């Protein structure tokens, strides 16, 4: 019986030694987490650059092929790159000199650092194109609520879901708001 128990323990120790485990010390985990958060922060800061340069090709690199956009307009619930592309082409055509000013950025990075969610408040200003009959018009939209989910796909961060909304004045549904 003792010999059988010894063989069983030997088998378990061999089996256990074959399992490859990588334990990062807390300092390495912290560095990886900080690096991922900085990558996410940089991506979020630059995610609208395609508007500035007017490039649908840069936009395509920014969005996942199955991304979802939920916009402020009633018709802006777009799923998949083909639908998103059509919308962005129209927007790029009428938006000049876009500026995005962000505040209250909150980021949550997944434990394995390949996905993140965020929320922020944006002020967005732009001009319409100058034509023979118009010198263009400047527009400013303040306090846009913007949130999204980004994922690292093939080594690059991409938008998989993004939401824009503008709050209505007052309450849509009357209820007692506890402060």
N, C-alpha and C. Protein backbone atom coordinates (compact mmCIF):
# COMPACT_ATOMS: atom_id res chain seq x y z
N UNK A 1 0.82 -1.19 0.00
CA UNK A 1 0.00 0.00 0.00
C UNK A 1 0.86 1.26 0.00
N UNK A 2 1.95 1.23 0.80
CA UNK A 2 2.83 2.39 0.86
C UNK A 2 3.48 2.63 -0.50
N UNK A 3 3.84 1.53 -1.18
CA UNK A 3 4.48 1.66 -2.49
C UNK A 3 3.51 2.29 -3.49
N UNK A 4 2.24 1.91 -3.47
CA UNK A 4 1.23 2.48 -4.36
C UNK A 4 1.04 3.97 -4.08
N UNK A 5 1.01 4.33 -2.81
CA UNK A 5 0.86 5.73 -2.43
C UNK A 5 2.07 6.54 -2.91
N UNK A 6 3.29 5.95 -2.76
CA UNK A 6 4.51 6.61 -3.19
C UNK A 6 4.49 6.83 -4.71
N UNK A 7 4.06 5.83 -5.47
CA UNK A 7 3.99 5.94 -6.93
C UNK A 7 2.97 7.01 -7.32
N UNK A 8 1.86 7.06 -6.61
CA UNK A 8 0.83 8.08 -6.87
C UNK A 8 1.39 9.49 -6.63
N UNK A 9 2.11 9.68 -5.52
CA UNK A 9 2.72 10.98 -5.23
C UNK A 9 3.77 11.34 -6.28
N UNK A 10 4.56 10.35 -6.71
CA UNK A 10 5.56 10.59 -7.74
C UNK A 10 4.89 11.02 -9.05
N UNK A 11 3.80 10.33 -9.41
CA UNK A 11 3.04 10.67 -10.61
C UNK A 11 2.50 12.10 -10.53
N UNK A 12 1.92 12.48 -9.38
CA UNK A 12 1.39 13.84 -9.20
C UNK A 12 2.50 14.89 -9.31
N UNK A 13 3.65 14.62 -8.73
CA UNK A 13 4.73 15.61 -8.79
C UNK A 13 5.25 15.76 -10.22
N UNK A 14 5.33 14.66 -10.97
CA UNK A 14 5.76 14.74 -12.37
C UNK A 14 4.73 15.52 -13.18
N UNK A 15 3.45 15.18 -12.97
CA UNK A 15 2.38 15.87 -13.68
C UNK A 15 2.40 17.36 -13.37
N UNK A 16 2.58 17.70 -12.13
CA UNK A 16 2.61 19.11 -11.71
C UNK A 16 3.81 19.84 -12.30
N UNK A 17 4.94 19.16 -12.42
CA UNK A 17 6.13 19.82 -12.98
C UNK A 17 6.00 20.07 -14.47
N UNK A 18 5.07 19.36 -15.14
CA UNK A 18 4.86 19.57 -16.57
C UNK A 18 3.98 20.78 -16.85
N UNK A 19 3.23 21.21 -15.88
CA UNK A 19 2.39 22.40 -16.06
C UNK A 19 3.25 23.63 -16.04
N UNK A 20 3.14 24.42 -17.09
CA UNK A 20 3.93 25.64 -17.17
C UNK A 20 3.10 26.79 -16.61
N UNK A 21 3.57 27.36 -15.55
CA UNK A 21 2.88 28.50 -14.99
C UNK A 21 3.83 29.68 -14.97
N UNK A 22 3.31 30.82 -15.29
CA UNK A 22 4.11 32.03 -15.26
C UNK A 22 3.49 32.93 -14.20
N UNK A 23 4.23 33.15 -13.16
CA UNK A 23 3.75 34.03 -12.11
C UNK A 23 4.49 35.34 -12.20
N UNK A 24 3.77 36.39 -12.47
CA UNK A 24 4.38 37.70 -12.49
C UNK A 24 4.40 38.24 -11.07
N UNK A 25 5.48 38.86 -10.73
CA UNK A 25 5.47 39.47 -9.42
C UNK A 25 4.58 40.71 -9.48
N UNK A 26 4.10 41.17 -8.35
CA UNK A 26 3.18 42.31 -8.36
C UNK A 26 3.73 43.55 -9.06
N UNK A 27 5.03 43.76 -9.00
CA UNK A 27 5.62 44.93 -9.66
C UNK A 27 5.51 44.81 -11.18
N UNK A 28 5.76 43.62 -11.73
CA UNK A 28 5.62 43.41 -13.18
C UNK A 28 4.17 43.56 -13.61
N UNK A 29 3.23 43.02 -12.82
CA UNK A 29 1.81 43.16 -13.14
C UNK A 29 1.42 44.64 -13.15
N UNK A 30 1.93 45.40 -12.20
CA UNK A 30 1.63 46.83 -12.12
C UNK A 30 2.17 47.55 -13.36
N UNK A 31 3.40 47.20 -13.79
CA UNK A 31 3.99 47.84 -14.97
C UNK A 31 3.19 47.52 -16.23
N UNK A 32 2.76 46.25 -16.37
CA UNK A 32 1.95 45.85 -17.53
C UNK A 32 0.64 46.61 -17.51
N UNK A 33 0.02 46.71 -16.34
CA UNK A 33 -1.25 47.42 -16.21
C UNK A 33 -1.10 48.90 -16.55
N UNK A 34 -0.04 49.52 -16.06
CA UNK A 34 0.20 50.94 -16.35
C UNK A 34 0.47 51.16 -17.83
N UNK A 35 1.22 50.25 -18.45
CA UNK A 35 1.51 50.36 -19.88
C UNK A 35 0.21 50.24 -20.68
N UNK A 36 -0.62 49.26 -20.32
CA UNK A 36 -1.89 49.08 -21.03
C UNK A 36 -2.78 50.30 -20.84
N UNK A 37 -2.85 50.84 -19.64
CA UNK A 37 -3.69 52.01 -19.41
C UNK A 37 -3.19 53.21 -20.21
N UNK A 38 -1.88 53.37 -20.34
CA UNK A 38 -1.35 54.48 -21.14
C UNK A 38 -1.67 54.27 -22.62
N UNK A 39 -1.57 53.04 -23.11
CA UNK A 39 -1.95 52.75 -24.50
C UNK A 39 -3.42 53.10 -24.73
N UNK A 40 -4.26 52.69 -23.80
CA UNK A 40 -5.69 52.97 -23.90
C UNK A 40 -5.94 54.48 -23.89
N UNK A 41 -5.30 55.18 -22.98
CA UNK A 41 -5.45 56.63 -22.88
C UNK A 41 -5.02 57.31 -24.18
N UNK A 42 -3.89 56.87 -24.75
CA UNK A 42 -3.41 57.44 -26.02
C UNK A 42 -4.40 57.17 -27.15
N UNK A 43 -4.93 55.93 -27.20
CA UNK A 43 -5.89 55.59 -28.25
C UNK A 43 -7.14 56.46 -28.14
N UNK A 44 -7.66 56.58 -26.93
CA UNK A 44 -8.88 57.37 -26.73
C UNK A 44 -8.64 58.82 -27.13
N UNK A 45 -7.50 59.36 -26.76
CA UNK A 45 -7.17 60.74 -27.10
C UNK A 45 -7.10 60.95 -28.61
N UNK A 46 -6.64 59.95 -29.34
CA UNK A 46 -6.40 60.09 -30.78
C UNK A 46 -7.46 59.41 -31.65
N UNK A 47 -8.50 58.86 -31.05
CA UNK A 47 -9.45 58.05 -31.83
C UNK A 47 -10.21 58.84 -32.89
N UNK A 48 -10.28 60.15 -32.76
CA UNK A 48 -11.01 60.96 -33.74
C UNK A 48 -10.09 61.66 -34.74
N UNK A 49 -8.83 61.29 -34.79
CA UNK A 49 -7.89 61.92 -35.72
C UNK A 49 -8.32 61.80 -37.17
N UNK A 50 -9.05 60.74 -37.50
CA UNK A 50 -9.48 60.56 -38.89
C UNK A 50 -10.36 61.72 -39.35
N UNK A 51 -11.08 62.38 -38.41
CA UNK A 51 -11.86 63.57 -38.76
C UNK A 51 -10.93 64.71 -39.16
N UNK A 52 -9.87 64.90 -38.38
CA UNK A 52 -8.94 66.01 -38.63
C UNK A 52 -8.29 65.92 -40.00
N UNK A 53 -7.91 64.71 -40.39
CA UNK A 53 -7.25 64.55 -41.68
C UNK A 53 -8.22 64.15 -42.79
N UNK A 54 -9.47 63.88 -42.42
CA UNK A 54 -10.48 63.52 -43.41
C UNK A 54 -10.20 62.20 -44.09
N UNK A 55 -9.77 61.21 -43.32
CA UNK A 55 -9.35 59.94 -43.92
C UNK A 55 -10.24 58.78 -43.49
N UNK A 56 -10.95 58.21 -44.44
CA UNK A 56 -11.75 57.02 -44.16
C UNK A 56 -10.85 55.82 -43.93
N UNK A 57 -9.63 55.82 -44.51
CA UNK A 57 -8.69 54.72 -44.29
C UNK A 57 -8.21 54.67 -42.84
N UNK A 58 -7.95 55.83 -42.25
CA UNK A 58 -7.57 55.88 -40.84
C UNK A 58 -8.76 55.47 -39.98
N UNK A 59 -9.96 55.90 -40.35
CA UNK A 59 -11.16 55.50 -39.61
C UNK A 59 -11.31 53.99 -39.62
N UNK A 60 -11.07 53.37 -40.76
CA UNK A 60 -11.20 51.91 -40.87
C UNK A 60 -10.24 51.21 -39.92
N UNK A 61 -9.05 51.78 -39.71
CA UNK A 61 -8.09 51.19 -38.78
C UNK A 61 -8.49 51.44 -37.33
N UNK A 62 -9.38 52.40 -37.11
CA UNK A 62 -9.81 52.77 -35.76
C UNK A 62 -10.94 51.88 -35.25
N UNK A 63 -11.78 51.39 -36.16
CA UNK A 63 -12.96 50.61 -35.77
C UNK A 63 -12.76 49.13 -36.07
N UNK A 64 -13.29 48.28 -35.20
CA UNK A 64 -13.35 46.85 -35.47
C UNK A 64 -14.36 46.62 -36.58
N UNK A 65 -14.21 45.54 -37.32
CA UNK A 65 -15.11 45.31 -38.46
C UNK A 65 -16.55 45.10 -38.03
N UNK A 66 -16.78 44.66 -36.79
CA UNK A 66 -18.15 44.45 -36.30
C UNK A 66 -18.53 45.48 -35.23
N UNK A 67 -17.91 46.64 -35.29
CA UNK A 67 -18.14 47.70 -34.28
C UNK A 67 -19.59 48.18 -34.30
N UNK A 68 -19.98 48.79 -33.20
CA UNK A 68 -21.31 49.36 -33.05
C UNK A 68 -21.16 50.84 -32.67
N UNK A 69 -21.88 51.70 -33.38
CA UNK A 69 -21.94 53.12 -33.03
C UNK A 69 -23.38 53.44 -32.64
N UNK A 70 -23.51 54.06 -31.48
CA UNK A 70 -24.80 54.58 -31.05
C UNK A 70 -24.61 56.08 -30.94
N UNK A 71 -25.24 56.81 -31.84
CA UNK A 71 -25.03 58.25 -31.90
C UNK A 71 -26.17 59.04 -31.28
N UNK A 72 -26.10 60.33 -31.45
CA UNK A 72 -27.12 61.22 -30.88
C UNK A 72 -28.35 61.33 -31.76
N UNK A 73 -28.21 61.07 -33.05
CA UNK A 73 -29.36 61.16 -33.96
C UNK A 73 -30.17 59.86 -33.89
N UNK A 74 -31.45 59.97 -34.12
CA UNK A 74 -32.35 58.82 -34.05
C UNK A 74 -31.90 57.67 -34.94
N UNK A 75 -31.36 57.98 -36.11
CA UNK A 75 -30.97 56.94 -37.06
C UNK A 75 -29.58 56.36 -36.79
N UNK A 76 -28.87 56.89 -35.82
CA UNK A 76 -27.49 56.48 -35.59
C UNK A 76 -27.39 55.30 -34.61
N UNK A 77 -27.79 54.15 -35.08
CA UNK A 77 -27.51 52.88 -34.42
C UNK A 77 -26.95 52.01 -35.52
N UNK A 78 -25.63 52.02 -35.63
CA UNK A 78 -24.96 51.41 -36.78
C UNK A 78 -24.14 50.21 -36.32
N UNK A 79 -24.30 49.09 -37.02
CA UNK A 79 -23.58 47.87 -36.67
C UNK A 79 -22.78 47.41 -37.89
N UNK A 80 -21.47 47.28 -37.71
CA UNK A 80 -20.60 46.79 -38.77
C UNK A 80 -19.96 47.92 -39.57
N UNK A 81 -18.76 47.64 -40.06
CA UNK A 81 -17.96 48.66 -40.73
C UNK A 81 -18.67 49.26 -41.94
N UNK A 82 -19.38 48.46 -42.74
CA UNK A 82 -20.02 49.01 -43.94
C UNK A 82 -21.02 50.12 -43.61
N UNK A 83 -21.82 49.92 -42.57
CA UNK A 83 -22.79 50.95 -42.16
C UNK A 83 -22.07 52.15 -41.54
N UNK A 84 -21.06 51.87 -40.72
CA UNK A 84 -20.29 52.94 -40.08
C UNK A 84 -19.57 53.77 -41.14
N UNK A 85 -19.00 53.10 -42.12
CA UNK A 85 -18.26 53.80 -43.18
C UNK A 85 -19.16 54.79 -43.90
N UNK A 86 -20.37 54.39 -44.25
CA UNK A 86 -21.29 55.29 -44.95
C UNK A 86 -21.56 56.54 -44.13
N UNK A 87 -21.79 56.35 -42.84
CA UNK A 87 -22.05 57.50 -41.96
C UNK A 87 -20.82 58.41 -41.86
N UNK A 88 -19.66 57.80 -41.66
CA UNK A 88 -18.43 58.60 -41.50
C UNK A 88 -18.07 59.35 -42.77
N UNK A 89 -18.29 58.73 -43.92
CA UNK A 89 -18.02 59.45 -45.18
C UNK A 89 -18.86 60.72 -45.26
N UNK A 90 -20.13 60.64 -44.89
CA UNK A 90 -20.99 61.82 -44.89
C UNK A 90 -20.53 62.86 -43.89
N UNK A 91 -20.10 62.41 -42.71
CA UNK A 91 -19.64 63.35 -41.68
C UNK A 91 -18.32 64.01 -42.08
N UNK A 92 -17.40 63.23 -42.61
CA UNK A 92 -16.10 63.78 -43.02
C UNK A 92 -16.30 64.87 -44.07
N UNK A 93 -17.30 64.68 -44.92
CA UNK A 93 -17.57 65.64 -45.99
C UNK A 93 -18.03 67.00 -45.45
N UNK A 94 -18.71 67.02 -44.32
CA UNK A 94 -19.27 68.29 -43.82
C UNK A 94 -18.58 68.83 -42.56
N UNK A 95 -17.56 68.14 -42.08
CA UNK A 95 -16.85 68.58 -40.87
C UNK A 95 -15.45 69.03 -41.24
N UNK A 96 -15.16 70.30 -40.94
CA UNK A 96 -13.81 70.83 -41.13
C UNK A 96 -13.29 71.35 -39.79
N UNK A 97 -12.01 71.25 -39.62
CA UNK A 97 -11.33 71.77 -38.44
C UNK A 97 -11.98 71.31 -37.13
N UNK A 98 -12.17 69.99 -36.98
CA UNK A 98 -12.79 69.50 -35.75
C UNK A 98 -11.85 69.62 -34.55
N UNK A 99 -12.43 69.93 -33.41
CA UNK A 99 -11.67 69.99 -32.16
C UNK A 99 -12.49 69.27 -31.09
N UNK A 100 -11.83 68.38 -30.37
CA UNK A 100 -12.46 67.64 -29.29
C UNK A 100 -11.73 67.99 -28.00
N UNK A 101 -12.46 68.47 -27.04
CA UNK A 101 -11.88 68.75 -25.72
C UNK A 101 -12.57 67.81 -24.74
N UNK A 102 -11.75 67.02 -24.07
CA UNK A 102 -12.25 65.97 -23.18
C UNK A 102 -12.05 66.35 -21.72
N UNK A 103 -12.97 65.89 -20.90
CA UNK A 103 -12.79 66.01 -19.45
C UNK A 103 -13.47 64.82 -18.76
N UNK A 104 -13.11 64.60 -17.53
CA UNK A 104 -13.68 63.53 -16.71
C UNK A 104 -13.50 62.14 -17.33
N UNK A 105 -12.34 61.90 -17.94
CA UNK A 105 -12.08 60.60 -18.55
C UNK A 105 -11.92 59.55 -17.45
N UNK A 106 -12.70 58.49 -17.57
CA UNK A 106 -12.62 57.34 -16.66
C UNK A 106 -12.35 56.11 -17.51
N UNK A 107 -11.37 55.32 -17.10
CA UNK A 107 -10.97 54.13 -17.87
C UNK A 107 -10.97 52.91 -16.95
N UNK A 108 -11.48 51.80 -17.47
CA UNK A 108 -11.38 50.51 -16.79
C UNK A 108 -10.76 49.54 -17.78
N UNK A 109 -9.59 48.99 -17.42
CA UNK A 109 -8.87 48.05 -18.28
C UNK A 109 -9.12 46.64 -17.75
N UNK A 110 -9.36 45.70 -18.67
CA UNK A 110 -9.61 44.32 -18.27
C UNK A 110 -8.37 43.73 -17.59
N UNK A 111 -8.59 42.67 -16.82
CA UNK A 111 -7.49 42.04 -16.10
C UNK A 111 -6.37 41.57 -17.02
N UNK A 112 -6.70 41.11 -18.22
CA UNK A 112 -5.65 40.65 -19.13
C UNK A 112 -5.20 41.75 -20.09
N UNK A 113 -5.63 42.98 -19.86
CA UNK A 113 -5.16 44.18 -20.58
C UNK A 113 -5.40 44.15 -22.08
N UNK A 114 -6.46 43.45 -22.53
CA UNK A 114 -6.74 43.45 -23.97
C UNK A 114 -8.08 44.08 -24.30
N UNK A 115 -8.74 44.65 -23.30
CA UNK A 115 -10.02 45.29 -23.52
C UNK A 115 -10.17 46.39 -22.46
N UNK A 116 -10.85 47.46 -22.85
CA UNK A 116 -11.06 48.55 -21.90
C UNK A 116 -12.38 49.24 -22.20
N UNK A 117 -12.98 49.78 -21.16
CA UNK A 117 -14.16 50.63 -21.34
C UNK A 117 -13.79 52.01 -20.82
N UNK A 118 -14.51 53.01 -21.32
CA UNK A 118 -14.21 54.37 -20.89
C UNK A 118 -15.47 55.22 -20.97
N UNK A 119 -15.42 56.32 -20.25
CA UNK A 119 -16.46 57.35 -20.37
C UNK A 119 -15.77 58.70 -20.21
N UNK A 120 -16.35 59.71 -20.85
CA UNK A 120 -15.80 61.05 -20.78
C UNK A 120 -16.87 62.05 -21.20
N UNK A 121 -16.63 63.29 -20.92
CA UNK A 121 -17.48 64.39 -21.40
C UNK A 121 -16.66 65.14 -22.44
N UNK A 122 -17.28 65.42 -23.60
CA UNK A 122 -16.59 66.10 -24.69
C UNK A 122 -17.25 67.41 -25.04
N UNK A 123 -16.44 68.37 -25.42
CA UNK A 123 -16.89 69.55 -26.14
C UNK A 123 -16.35 69.39 -27.55
N UNK A 124 -17.22 69.57 -28.52
CA UNK A 124 -16.87 69.32 -29.92
C UNK A 124 -17.19 70.57 -30.72
N UNK A 125 -16.20 71.07 -31.45
CA UNK A 125 -16.45 72.22 -32.33
C UNK A 125 -15.90 71.90 -33.72
N UNK A 126 -16.52 72.49 -34.72
CA UNK A 126 -16.11 72.29 -36.10
C UNK A 126 -16.70 73.38 -36.97
N UNK A 127 -16.23 73.43 -38.20
CA UNK A 127 -16.77 74.35 -39.21
C UNK A 127 -17.33 73.53 -40.35
N UNK A 128 -18.31 74.12 -41.03
CA UNK A 128 -18.78 73.50 -42.26
C UNK A 128 -17.88 74.01 -43.38
N UNK A 129 -17.83 73.30 -44.50
CA UNK A 129 -16.93 73.70 -45.59
C UNK A 129 -17.28 75.08 -46.16
N UNK A 130 -16.25 75.76 -46.58
CA UNK A 130 -16.43 77.03 -47.27
C UNK A 130 -16.74 76.73 -48.73
N UNK A 131 -17.79 77.35 -49.23
CA UNK A 131 -18.17 77.17 -50.64
C UNK A 131 -18.27 78.55 -51.28
N UNK A 132 -18.61 78.57 -52.55
CA UNK A 132 -18.78 79.86 -53.24
C UNK A 132 -19.89 80.69 -52.60
N UNK A 133 -20.90 80.01 -52.08
CA UNK A 133 -22.04 80.75 -51.53
C UNK A 133 -22.00 80.88 -50.01
N UNK A 134 -21.00 80.28 -49.36
CA UNK A 134 -20.96 80.32 -47.90
C UNK A 134 -19.53 80.35 -47.40
N UNK A 135 -19.31 81.08 -46.34
CA UNK A 135 -17.98 81.11 -45.73
C UNK A 135 -17.86 80.03 -44.65
N UNK A 136 -18.81 79.12 -44.62
CA UNK A 136 -18.81 78.07 -43.60
C UNK A 136 -19.39 78.59 -42.30
N UNK A 137 -19.82 77.70 -41.48
CA UNK A 137 -20.44 78.05 -40.20
C UNK A 137 -19.72 77.28 -39.11
N UNK A 138 -19.48 77.96 -37.98
CA UNK A 138 -18.84 77.29 -36.86
C UNK A 138 -19.92 76.75 -35.93
N UNK A 139 -19.75 75.50 -35.52
CA UNK A 139 -20.68 74.86 -34.59
C UNK A 139 -19.92 74.42 -33.34
N UNK A 140 -20.58 74.48 -32.22
CA UNK A 140 -20.03 73.99 -30.96
C UNK A 140 -21.10 73.18 -30.26
N UNK A 141 -20.73 71.99 -29.85
CA UNK A 141 -21.62 71.13 -29.09
C UNK A 141 -20.90 70.80 -27.79
N UNK A 142 -21.44 71.24 -26.69
CA UNK A 142 -20.80 71.04 -25.39
C UNK A 142 -21.48 69.93 -24.60
N UNK A 143 -20.72 69.36 -23.69
CA UNK A 143 -21.21 68.37 -22.73
C UNK A 143 -21.79 67.12 -23.38
N UNK A 144 -21.09 66.63 -24.39
CA UNK A 144 -21.47 65.37 -25.02
C UNK A 144 -20.99 64.24 -24.12
N UNK A 145 -21.90 63.34 -23.81
CA UNK A 145 -21.52 62.17 -23.02
C UNK A 145 -21.05 61.10 -24.00
N UNK A 146 -19.82 60.65 -23.81
CA UNK A 146 -19.19 59.71 -24.73
C UNK A 146 -18.66 58.53 -23.93
N UNK A 147 -19.02 57.33 -24.35
CA UNK A 147 -18.48 56.13 -23.72
C UNK A 147 -18.21 55.10 -24.79
N UNK A 148 -17.38 54.14 -24.45
CA UNK A 148 -17.07 53.13 -25.43
C UNK A 148 -16.32 51.96 -24.85
N UNK A 149 -16.15 50.97 -25.70
CA UNK A 149 -15.37 49.79 -25.39
C UNK A 149 -14.36 49.62 -26.52
N UNK A 150 -13.12 49.44 -26.16
CA UNK A 150 -12.08 49.20 -27.15
C UNK A 150 -11.41 47.87 -26.83
N UNK A 151 -10.90 47.24 -27.88
CA UNK A 151 -10.29 45.92 -27.72
C UNK A 151 -9.01 45.87 -28.54
N UNK A 152 -8.03 45.18 -28.01
CA UNK A 152 -6.78 44.98 -28.74
C UNK A 152 -6.99 43.81 -29.70
N UNK A 153 -6.96 44.11 -30.99
CA UNK A 153 -7.17 43.11 -32.04
C UNK A 153 -5.92 43.09 -32.92
N UNK A 154 -5.30 41.95 -33.02
CA UNK A 154 -4.06 41.81 -33.80
C UNK A 154 -3.03 42.86 -33.41
N UNK A 155 -2.93 43.12 -32.10
CA UNK A 155 -1.92 44.05 -31.60
C UNK A 155 -2.28 45.52 -31.66
N UNK A 156 -3.49 45.86 -32.17
CA UNK A 156 -3.90 47.26 -32.28
C UNK A 156 -5.23 47.48 -31.57
N UNK A 157 -5.34 48.61 -30.88
CA UNK A 157 -6.60 48.96 -30.22
C UNK A 157 -7.61 49.38 -31.28
N UNK A 158 -8.85 48.91 -31.11
CA UNK A 158 -9.93 49.24 -32.04
C UNK A 158 -11.20 49.49 -31.24
N UNK A 159 -12.02 50.37 -31.76
CA UNK A 159 -13.33 50.62 -31.15
C UNK A 159 -14.24 49.46 -31.50
N UNK A 160 -14.85 48.84 -30.48
CA UNK A 160 -15.84 47.80 -30.74
C UNK A 160 -17.25 48.30 -30.44
N UNK A 161 -17.34 49.32 -29.61
CA UNK A 161 -18.64 49.93 -29.32
C UNK A 161 -18.39 51.36 -28.83
N UNK A 162 -19.16 52.29 -29.38
CA UNK A 162 -19.03 53.69 -28.96
C UNK A 162 -20.42 54.30 -28.88
N UNK A 163 -20.60 55.17 -27.91
CA UNK A 163 -21.91 55.79 -27.68
C UNK A 163 -21.72 57.28 -27.42
N UNK A 164 -22.53 58.06 -28.09
CA UNK A 164 -22.56 59.51 -27.89
C UNK A 164 -23.98 59.88 -27.48
N UNK A 165 -24.12 60.78 -26.52
CA UNK A 165 -25.46 61.29 -26.21
C UNK A 165 -25.34 62.71 -25.69
N UNK A 166 -26.43 63.41 -25.86
CA UNK A 166 -26.54 64.77 -25.34
C UNK A 166 -27.74 64.77 -24.42
N UNK A 167 -27.54 65.18 -23.20
CA UNK A 167 -28.63 65.15 -22.22
C UNK A 167 -29.73 66.15 -22.57
N UNK A 168 -30.95 65.75 -22.29
CA UNK A 168 -32.08 66.66 -22.47
C UNK A 168 -32.24 67.47 -21.20
N UNK A 169 -32.79 68.64 -21.33
CA UNK A 169 -33.04 69.48 -20.16
C UNK A 169 -34.21 68.89 -19.39
N UNK A 170 -34.11 68.90 -18.08
CA UNK A 170 -35.17 68.35 -17.25
C UNK A 170 -35.11 66.83 -17.23
N UNK A 171 -36.23 66.25 -16.83
CA UNK A 171 -36.31 64.79 -16.74
C UNK A 171 -37.24 64.25 -17.81
N UNK A 172 -36.83 63.19 -18.46
CA UNK A 172 -37.67 62.52 -19.44
C UNK A 172 -38.75 61.73 -18.69
N UNK A 173 -38.36 61.06 -17.61
CA UNK A 173 -39.30 60.33 -16.76
C UNK A 173 -39.28 61.02 -15.40
N UNK A 174 -40.43 61.46 -14.96
CA UNK A 174 -40.52 62.14 -13.66
C UNK A 174 -40.34 61.14 -12.53
N UNK A 175 -39.38 61.37 -11.67
CA UNK A 175 -39.20 60.57 -10.47
C UNK A 175 -38.43 61.42 -9.46
N UNK A 176 -38.46 61.00 -8.24
CA UNK A 176 -37.76 61.72 -7.18
C UNK A 176 -36.29 61.35 -7.23
N UNK A 177 -35.45 62.35 -7.40
CA UNK A 177 -34.00 62.13 -7.51
C UNK A 177 -33.37 62.39 -6.14
N UNK A 178 -32.89 61.33 -5.50
CA UNK A 178 -32.27 61.46 -4.17
C UNK A 178 -30.85 61.98 -4.29
N UNK A 179 -30.55 63.04 -3.59
CA UNK A 179 -29.19 63.60 -3.63
C UNK A 179 -28.42 63.26 -2.39
